Amino acid sequence: VQLEESGGGWVQPGGSLRLSCQASGFVFNTAVMSWYRQAPGKEREWVAHLTSSGASPHYADSVKGRFTISRDNAKNQVYLQMDNLKPEDTDVYYCVVPKFASWGQGTQVTVSS
């Protein structure tokens, strides 16, 4: 299983970023996909997950209404659209395949003025 995140960076509060995760090494269109985040010294936090069909997204209360998880099964990619970003969203964001307990290397998101 390989997962490669991209799309992180620096953004001002209220801004947007779109994270992407390219997956390989497993049958992508049968797997639930998740996003987690973690900053140094903080506990890992689940952000969102999406069923294999893309029909049932679920979000942590801290991001509900601001983040949108989606997937393109033809491209083996999962996305996290992040809008109205806040400084407390600053973290390393990870793409995860729960059924294999596999994580990507993470992409840094920094929200500050």
N, C-alpha and C. Protein backbone atom coordinates (compact mmCIF):
# COMPACT_ATOMS: atom_id res chain seq x y z
N VAL A 1 0.86 -1.19 0.00
CA VAL A 1 0.00 0.00 0.00
C VAL A 1 0.89 1.24 0.00
N GLN A 2 0.60 2.14 -0.93
CA GLN A 2 1.33 3.41 -0.95
C GLN A 2 0.35 4.55 -1.03
N LEU A 3 0.62 5.58 -0.24
CA LEU A 3 -0.22 6.76 -0.19
C LEU A 3 0.68 7.98 -0.26
N GLU A 4 0.37 8.90 -1.14
CA GLU A 4 1.18 10.11 -1.28
C GLU A 4 0.28 11.33 -1.26
N GLU A 5 0.40 12.13 -0.19
CA GLU A 5 -0.39 13.34 -0.06
C GLU A 5 0.31 14.52 -0.74
N SER A 6 -0.48 15.46 -1.16
CA SER A 6 0.03 16.71 -1.71
C SER A 6 -1.00 17.80 -1.50
N GLY A 7 -0.57 19.04 -1.73
CA GLY A 7 -1.52 20.15 -1.68
C GLY A 7 -1.45 21.01 -0.43
N GLY A 8 -0.62 20.62 0.52
CA GLY A 8 -0.49 21.42 1.73
C GLY A 8 0.24 22.72 1.45
N GLY A 9 0.30 23.58 2.46
CA GLY A 9 1.00 24.84 2.30
C GLY A 9 0.57 25.83 3.36
N TRP A 10 0.87 27.09 3.11
CA TRP A 10 0.52 28.17 4.03
C TRP A 10 -0.66 28.94 3.46
N VAL A 11 -1.60 29.30 4.33
CA VAL A 11 -2.76 30.06 3.91
C VAL A 11 -3.19 30.96 5.07
N GLN A 12 -3.75 32.08 4.74
CA GLN A 12 -4.27 32.98 5.77
C GLN A 12 -5.60 32.47 6.32
N PRO A 13 -5.94 32.85 7.54
CA PRO A 13 -7.26 32.46 8.08
C PRO A 13 -8.38 32.86 7.14
N GLY A 14 -9.34 31.96 6.97
CA GLY A 14 -10.43 32.19 6.04
C GLY A 14 -10.16 31.66 4.65
N GLY A 15 -8.93 31.26 4.39
CA GLY A 15 -8.56 30.77 3.08
C GLY A 15 -8.91 29.31 2.88
N SER A 16 -8.51 28.79 1.71
CA SER A 16 -8.84 27.42 1.33
C SER A 16 -7.61 26.69 0.81
N LEU A 17 -7.61 25.40 0.99
CA LEU A 17 -6.62 24.50 0.40
C LEU A 17 -7.33 23.22 0.00
N ARG A 18 -6.77 22.56 -0.99
CA ARG A 18 -7.29 21.26 -1.40
C ARG A 18 -6.16 20.24 -1.33
N LEU A 19 -6.32 19.26 -0.47
CA LEU A 19 -5.34 18.19 -0.34
C LEU A 19 -5.73 17.04 -1.26
N SER A 20 -4.72 16.39 -1.81
CA SER A 20 -4.93 15.21 -2.64
C SER A 20 -4.10 14.06 -2.09
N CYS A 21 -4.59 12.85 -2.32
CA CYS A 21 -3.85 11.66 -1.93
C CYS A 21 -3.91 10.66 -3.08
N GLN A 22 -2.75 10.32 -3.59
CA GLN A 22 -2.66 9.32 -4.64
C GLN A 22 -2.39 7.97 -3.99
N ALA A 23 -3.27 7.01 -4.25
CA ALA A 23 -3.17 5.68 -3.63
C ALA A 23 -2.78 4.63 -4.66
N SER A 24 -2.06 3.61 -4.20
CA SER A 24 -1.70 2.50 -5.06
C SER A 24 -1.42 1.28 -4.20
N GLY A 25 -1.42 0.12 -4.84
CA GLY A 25 -1.06 -1.12 -4.15
C GLY A 25 -2.22 -1.87 -3.54
N PHE A 26 -3.43 -1.39 -3.76
CA PHE A 26 -4.60 -2.11 -3.25
C PHE A 26 -5.78 -1.73 -4.15
N VAL A 27 -6.89 -2.44 -3.93
CA VAL A 27 -8.08 -2.18 -4.75
C VAL A 27 -8.79 -0.96 -4.17
N PHE A 28 -8.49 0.18 -4.74
CA PHE A 28 -8.92 1.46 -4.16
C PHE A 28 -10.43 1.56 -4.05
N ASN A 29 -11.14 1.10 -5.07
CA ASN A 29 -12.58 1.34 -5.08
C ASN A 29 -13.37 0.44 -4.13
N THR A 30 -12.67 -0.36 -3.33
CA THR A 30 -13.34 -1.16 -2.29
C THR A 30 -13.00 -0.67 -0.88
N ALA A 31 -12.18 0.35 -0.77
CA ALA A 31 -11.65 0.76 0.53
C ALA A 31 -12.24 2.07 1.04
N VAL A 32 -12.62 2.07 2.32
CA VAL A 32 -12.90 3.34 2.99
C VAL A 32 -11.59 4.12 3.08
N MET A 33 -11.67 5.41 2.83
CA MET A 33 -10.50 6.27 2.92
C MET A 33 -10.73 7.34 3.98
N SER A 34 -9.68 7.68 4.70
CA SER A 34 -9.79 8.65 5.79
C SER A 34 -8.70 9.70 5.70
N TRP A 35 -8.97 10.81 6.33
CA TRP A 35 -7.96 11.85 6.58
C TRP A 35 -7.83 12.02 8.10
N TYR A 36 -6.59 12.11 8.56
CA TYR A 36 -6.28 12.41 9.95
C TYR A 36 -5.34 13.61 9.95
N ARG A 37 -5.16 14.19 11.12
CA ARG A 37 -4.18 15.26 11.26
C ARG A 37 -3.51 15.16 12.61
N GLN A 38 -2.30 15.68 12.66
CA GLN A 38 -1.53 15.65 13.90
C GLN A 38 -0.46 16.71 13.85
N ALA A 39 -0.29 17.43 14.93
CA ALA A 39 0.80 18.39 15.09
C ALA A 39 1.74 17.87 16.17
N PRO A 40 3.00 18.29 16.16
CA PRO A 40 3.95 17.86 17.20
C PRO A 40 3.41 18.14 18.59
N GLY A 41 3.42 17.16 19.45
CA GLY A 41 2.96 17.35 20.82
C GLY A 41 1.46 17.24 20.99
N LYS A 42 0.75 17.04 19.89
CA LYS A 42 -0.71 16.91 19.97
C LYS A 42 -1.12 15.49 19.65
N GLU A 43 -2.31 15.12 20.11
CA GLU A 43 -2.83 13.80 19.77
C GLU A 43 -3.29 13.78 18.32
N ARG A 44 -3.21 12.59 17.73
CA ARG A 44 -3.70 12.42 16.38
C ARG A 44 -5.21 12.58 16.38
N GLU A 45 -5.73 13.28 15.39
CA GLU A 45 -7.17 13.56 15.30
C GLU A 45 -7.74 13.05 13.98
N TRP A 46 -8.78 12.29 14.07
CA TRP A 46 -9.51 11.89 12.86
C TRP A 46 -10.23 13.10 12.31
N VAL A 47 -10.19 13.30 11.01
CA VAL A 47 -10.81 14.46 10.37
C VAL A 47 -12.06 14.06 9.60
N ALA A 48 -11.93 13.05 8.74
CA ALA A 48 -13.07 12.67 7.89
C ALA A 48 -12.81 11.29 7.30
N HIS A 49 -13.90 10.62 6.92
CA HIS A 49 -13.73 9.41 6.12
C HIS A 49 -14.86 9.29 5.12
N LEU A 50 -14.60 8.46 4.13
CA LEU A 50 -15.54 8.34 3.01
C LEU A 50 -15.60 6.87 2.60
N THR A 51 -16.82 6.37 2.41
CA THR A 51 -17.01 4.99 1.99
C THR A 51 -16.49 4.77 0.58
N SER A 52 -16.40 3.52 0.19
CA SER A 52 -15.80 3.17 -1.09
C SER A 52 -16.55 3.78 -2.27
N SER A 53 -17.85 3.91 -2.14
CA SER A 53 -18.65 4.47 -3.24
C SER A 53 -18.63 5.99 -3.25
N GLY A 54 -18.19 6.58 -2.15
CA GLY A 54 -18.21 8.04 -2.05
C GLY A 54 -19.54 8.61 -1.61
N ALA A 55 -20.46 7.74 -1.20
CA ALA A 55 -21.82 8.19 -0.91
C ALA A 55 -22.01 8.66 0.53
N SER A 56 -21.14 8.29 1.42
CA SER A 56 -21.40 8.57 2.84
C SER A 56 -20.18 9.19 3.52
N PRO A 57 -20.02 10.49 3.38
CA PRO A 57 -18.91 11.14 4.10
C PRO A 57 -19.25 11.36 5.56
N HIS A 58 -18.24 11.32 6.40
CA HIS A 58 -18.41 11.62 7.82
C HIS A 58 -17.27 12.54 8.24
N TYR A 59 -17.60 13.48 9.14
CA TYR A 59 -16.64 14.50 9.54
C TYR A 59 -16.56 14.65 11.06
N ALA A 60 -15.38 15.03 11.51
CA ALA A 60 -15.25 15.44 12.90
C ALA A 60 -16.02 16.75 13.10
N ASP A 61 -16.54 16.94 14.30
CA ASP A 61 -17.31 18.16 14.58
C ASP A 61 -16.48 19.42 14.33
N SER A 62 -15.18 19.31 14.55
CA SER A 62 -14.30 20.48 14.43
C SER A 62 -14.17 20.99 12.99
N VAL A 63 -14.51 20.14 12.01
CA VAL A 63 -14.35 20.55 10.61
C VAL A 63 -15.66 20.52 9.84
N LYS A 64 -16.73 20.03 10.46
CA LYS A 64 -18.00 19.89 9.77
C LYS A 64 -18.48 21.24 9.25
N GLY A 65 -18.90 21.25 7.99
CA GLY A 65 -19.36 22.48 7.37
C GLY A 65 -18.26 23.29 6.71
N ARG A 66 -17.01 22.90 6.96
CA ARG A 66 -15.89 23.63 6.35
C ARG A 66 -15.04 22.75 5.44
N PHE A 67 -14.96 21.47 5.76
CA PHE A 67 -14.15 20.53 4.97
C PHE A 67 -15.08 19.59 4.19
N THR A 68 -14.60 19.17 3.03
CA THR A 68 -15.34 18.22 2.20
C THR A 68 -14.38 17.14 1.71
N ILE A 69 -14.71 15.89 2.00
CA ILE A 69 -13.93 14.77 1.51
C ILE A 69 -14.60 14.22 0.26
N SER A 70 -13.79 13.85 -0.72
CA SER A 70 -14.33 13.28 -1.95
C SER A 70 -13.30 12.31 -2.53
N ARG A 71 -13.69 11.57 -3.55
CA ARG A 71 -12.77 10.62 -4.15
C ARG A 71 -13.07 10.45 -5.62
N ASP A 72 -12.04 10.05 -6.34
CA ASP A 72 -12.18 9.71 -7.75
C ASP A 72 -11.64 8.29 -7.90
N ASN A 73 -12.54 7.32 -7.95
CA ASN A 73 -12.10 5.92 -8.00
C ASN A 73 -11.40 5.57 -9.31
N ALA A 74 -11.67 6.32 -10.35
CA ALA A 74 -11.00 6.07 -11.62
C ALA A 74 -9.52 6.47 -11.56
N LYS A 75 -9.22 7.44 -10.69
CA LYS A 75 -7.84 7.94 -10.58
C LYS A 75 -7.13 7.43 -9.32
N ASN A 76 -7.83 6.66 -8.50
CA ASN A 76 -7.28 6.19 -7.22
C ASN A 76 -6.84 7.36 -6.34
N GLN A 77 -7.68 8.37 -6.29
CA GLN A 77 -7.35 9.55 -5.51
C GLN A 77 -8.48 9.90 -4.54
N VAL A 78 -8.09 10.43 -3.39
CA VAL A 78 -9.03 10.98 -2.42
C VAL A 78 -8.58 12.41 -2.12
N TYR A 79 -9.55 13.26 -1.86
CA TYR A 79 -9.31 14.69 -1.71
C TYR A 79 -9.89 15.20 -0.40
N LEU A 80 -9.34 16.31 0.07
CA LEU A 80 -9.91 17.01 1.21
C LEU A 80 -9.92 18.49 0.87
N GLN A 81 -11.09 19.00 0.56
CA GLN A 81 -11.27 20.43 0.31
C GLN A 81 -11.47 21.11 1.65
N MET A 82 -10.62 22.06 1.95
CA MET A 82 -10.66 22.73 3.25
C MET A 82 -10.94 24.21 3.02
N ASP A 83 -12.08 24.67 3.48
CA ASP A 83 -12.49 26.06 3.34
C ASP A 83 -12.60 26.73 4.71
N ASN A 84 -12.59 28.06 4.69
CA ASN A 84 -12.70 28.83 5.94
C ASN A 84 -11.72 28.30 6.99
N LEU A 85 -10.49 28.17 6.57
CA LEU A 85 -9.47 27.60 7.45
C LEU A 85 -9.19 28.50 8.64
N LYS A 86 -8.89 27.88 9.76
CA LYS A 86 -8.62 28.57 11.00
C LYS A 86 -7.20 28.22 11.48
N PRO A 87 -6.62 29.07 12.30
CA PRO A 87 -5.26 28.75 12.81
C PRO A 87 -5.20 27.39 13.50
N GLU A 88 -6.29 26.99 14.14
CA GLU A 88 -6.28 25.69 14.83
C GLU A 88 -6.32 24.51 13.87
N ASP A 89 -6.47 24.76 12.58
CA ASP A 89 -6.39 23.69 11.57
C ASP A 89 -4.94 23.40 11.19
N THR A 90 -4.01 24.18 11.70
CA THR A 90 -2.59 23.95 11.41
C THR A 90 -2.16 22.59 11.94
N ASP A 91 -1.69 21.73 11.04
CA ASP A 91 -1.35 20.36 11.39
C ASP A 91 -0.66 19.72 10.19
N VAL A 92 -0.13 18.52 10.42
CA VAL A 92 0.25 17.65 9.32
C VAL A 92 -0.95 16.77 9.03
N TYR A 93 -1.36 16.73 7.77
CA TYR A 93 -2.54 15.97 7.37
C TYR A 93 -2.10 14.68 6.68
N TYR A 94 -2.76 13.59 7.08
CA TYR A 94 -2.39 12.27 6.60
C TYR A 94 -3.57 11.59 5.92
N CYS A 95 -3.29 10.94 4.81
CA CYS A 95 -4.23 10.07 4.13
C CYS A 95 -4.06 8.67 4.70
N VAL A 96 -5.19 8.01 4.99
CA VAL A 96 -5.13 6.73 5.69
C VAL A 96 -6.08 5.73 5.05
N VAL A 97 -5.63 4.49 4.94
CA VAL A 97 -6.52 3.39 4.57
C VAL A 97 -6.77 2.58 5.83
N PRO A 98 -7.89 2.77 6.49
CA PRO A 98 -8.10 2.11 7.79
C PRO A 98 -7.95 0.59 7.75
N LYS A 99 -8.42 -0.05 6.69
CA LYS A 99 -8.41 -1.51 6.75
C LYS A 99 -7.01 -2.11 6.65
N PHE A 100 -6.05 -1.31 6.18
CA PHE A 100 -4.66 -1.77 6.15
C PHE A 100 -3.80 -1.06 7.20
N ALA A 101 -4.40 -0.16 7.95
CA ALA A 101 -3.66 0.66 8.92
C ALA A 101 -2.46 1.32 8.25
N SER A 102 -2.66 1.79 7.01
CA SER A 102 -1.57 2.40 6.23
C SER A 102 -1.73 3.90 6.19
N TRP A 103 -0.60 4.59 6.34
CA TRP A 103 -0.58 6.05 6.37
C TRP A 103 0.38 6.55 5.31
N GLY A 104 0.06 7.73 4.78
CA GLY A 104 1.00 8.43 3.92
C GLY A 104 2.04 9.15 4.75
N GLN A 105 2.88 9.93 4.07
CA GLN A 105 3.95 10.64 4.77
C GLN A 105 3.47 11.97 5.35
N GLY A 106 2.30 12.40 4.93
CA GLY A 106 1.72 13.62 5.47
C GLY A 106 2.07 14.85 4.66
N THR A 107 1.21 15.86 4.76
CA THR A 107 1.45 17.15 4.12
C THR A 107 1.12 18.24 5.13
N GLN A 108 2.01 19.22 5.24
CA GLN A 108 1.87 20.26 6.25
C GLN A 108 0.87 21.33 5.79
N VAL A 109 -0.04 21.66 6.67
CA VAL A 109 -0.97 22.77 6.45
C VAL A 109 -0.73 23.79 7.56
N THR A 110 -0.46 25.03 7.17
CA THR A 110 -0.21 26.10 8.14
C THR A 110 -1.18 27.24 7.86
N VAL A 111 -1.95 27.61 8.88
CA VAL A 111 -2.93 28.69 8.75
C VAL A 111 -2.51 29.80 9.71
N SER A 112 -2.09 30.90 9.15
CA SER A 112 -1.68 32.02 10.00
C SER A 112 -1.71 33.30 9.19
N SER A 113 -1.75 34.40 9.90
CA SER A 113 -1.74 35.71 9.24
C SER A 113 -0.34 36.32 9.31
